[in-house]
Amino acid sequence: MSTLSRDEVARVAALARIDLTPTELDRLAGELDVIVESVARVSEVATPDVPATSHPLPMTNVFRSDVPEQPLTQEQALSGAPASEDGKFLVPQILGEE
């Protein structure tokens, strides 16, 4: 049972300003139909006693603690720069402005 017609896919593509060939419309109609059916199947088993999940495995924060530290000095920040001038990074001019 198809839930998305080729015309519906064409309409959505037009709204998104995506130019699709007739072959792409036919292919995407089938692919999107499979996606819609998969979501419907998941919705059937999603009951109030099944908690919502965002990931199948438990996730833990892998970031380091946010501990304030001394910032780099101007000299330290510029020490790895290929070029500097007047205490600032020196980069090539790209806009043709002075």
Protein backbone atom coordinates (compact mmCIF):
# COMPACT_ATOMS: atom_id res chain seq x y z
CA MET A 1 0.00 0.00 0.00
CA SER A 2 1.61 3.23 -1.16
CA THR A 3 1.15 6.22 1.09
CA LEU A 4 3.08 8.73 -1.01
CA SER A 5 2.28 9.31 -4.64
CA ARG A 6 4.72 10.51 -7.26
CA ASP A 7 2.73 13.79 -7.43
CA GLU A 8 3.11 14.35 -3.68
CA VAL A 9 6.86 13.83 -3.92
CA ALA A 10 6.97 16.27 -6.86
CA ARG A 11 5.00 18.84 -4.85
CA VAL A 12 7.30 18.56 -1.83
CA ALA A 13 10.34 18.77 -4.11
CA ALA A 14 8.92 21.90 -5.73
CA LEU A 15 8.29 23.48 -2.31
CA ALA A 16 11.88 22.72 -1.36
CA ARG A 17 13.01 24.05 -4.76
CA ILE A 18 14.61 20.74 -5.67
CA ASP A 19 14.52 19.93 -9.37
CA LEU A 20 13.98 16.18 -9.77
CA THR A 21 13.90 14.15 -12.95
CA PRO A 22 10.95 11.78 -13.56
CA THR A 23 13.23 8.84 -12.74
CA GLU A 24 14.25 10.44 -9.44
CA LEU A 25 10.60 11.13 -8.58
CA ASP A 26 9.70 7.48 -9.11
CA ARG A 27 12.67 6.26 -7.08
CA LEU A 28 12.13 8.72 -4.22
CA ALA A 29 8.41 7.95 -4.04
CA GLY A 30 9.29 4.32 -3.34
CA GLU A 31 12.08 5.16 -0.89
CA LEU A 32 9.99 7.67 1.03
CA ASP A 33 7.13 5.20 1.15
CA VAL A 34 9.43 2.66 2.86
CA ILE A 35 10.47 5.33 5.38
CA VAL A 36 6.85 6.30 6.12
CA GLU A 37 5.88 2.65 6.59
CA SER A 38 8.86 2.09 8.93
CA VAL A 39 7.88 5.08 11.07
CA ALA A 40 4.28 3.79 11.18
CA ARG A 41 5.52 0.36 12.28
CA VAL A 42 7.61 1.90 15.08
CA SER A 43 4.63 4.02 16.13
CA GLU A 44 2.57 0.86 16.55
CA VAL A 45 4.91 -0.51 19.23
CA ALA A 46 5.60 2.82 20.89
CA THR A 47 3.23 2.64 23.84
CA PRO A 48 3.11 4.78 26.98
CA ASP A 49 5.00 2.13 28.95
CA VAL A 50 7.95 2.22 26.49
CA PRO A 51 10.22 5.17 27.31
CA ALA A 52 11.36 7.37 24.44
CA THR A 53 15.02 7.04 23.52
CA SER A 54 17.38 9.13 21.47
CA HIS A 55 20.09 6.49 21.27
CA PRO A 56 20.01 2.70 21.60
CA LEU A 57 22.96 2.65 24.01
CA PRO A 58 23.42 4.69 27.18
CA MET A 59 25.57 7.75 26.50
CA THR A 60 27.88 9.51 28.92
CA ASN A 61 29.43 12.93 28.72
CA VAL A 62 32.98 12.61 27.38
CA PHE A 63 33.89 16.26 27.81
CA ARG A 64 36.41 17.43 30.37
CA SER A 65 35.31 19.55 33.29
CA ASP A 66 34.97 23.23 32.52
CA VAL A 67 37.72 24.59 34.74
CA PRO A 68 38.85 28.21 34.30
CA GLU A 69 42.55 28.51 33.48
CA GLN A 70 44.93 31.32 32.68
CA PRO A 71 44.48 32.52 29.09
CA LEU A 72 47.37 32.57 26.65
CA THR A 73 49.44 35.71 26.55
CA GLN A 74 49.51 37.63 23.31
CA GLU A 75 53.02 36.34 22.62
CA GLN A 76 51.96 32.71 23.25
CA ALA A 77 48.93 33.05 20.97
CA LEU A 78 51.03 34.53 18.16
CA SER A 79 53.97 32.14 18.61
CA GLY A 80 52.56 29.56 16.18
CA ALA A 81 51.36 32.07 13.59
CA PRO A 82 53.19 32.13 10.25
CA ALA A 83 53.20 35.93 10.40
CA SER A 84 52.19 38.67 12.83
CA GLU A 85 52.35 42.44 12.94
CA ASP A 86 51.72 44.90 15.77
CA GLY A 87 50.59 42.06 18.06
CA LYS A 88 48.00 40.74 15.59
CA PHE A 89 47.78 37.84 13.17
CA LEU A 90 48.93 38.90 9.71
CA VAL A 91 46.86 37.35 6.92
CA PRO A 92 46.80 37.90 3.17
CA GLN A 93 44.51 40.62 1.92
CA ILE A 94 41.56 39.14 0.01
CA LEU A 95 39.09 41.97 -0.55
CA GLY A 96 41.35 44.47 -2.24
CA GLU A 97 40.78 47.06 0.47
CA GLU A 98 43.43 49.11 2.19
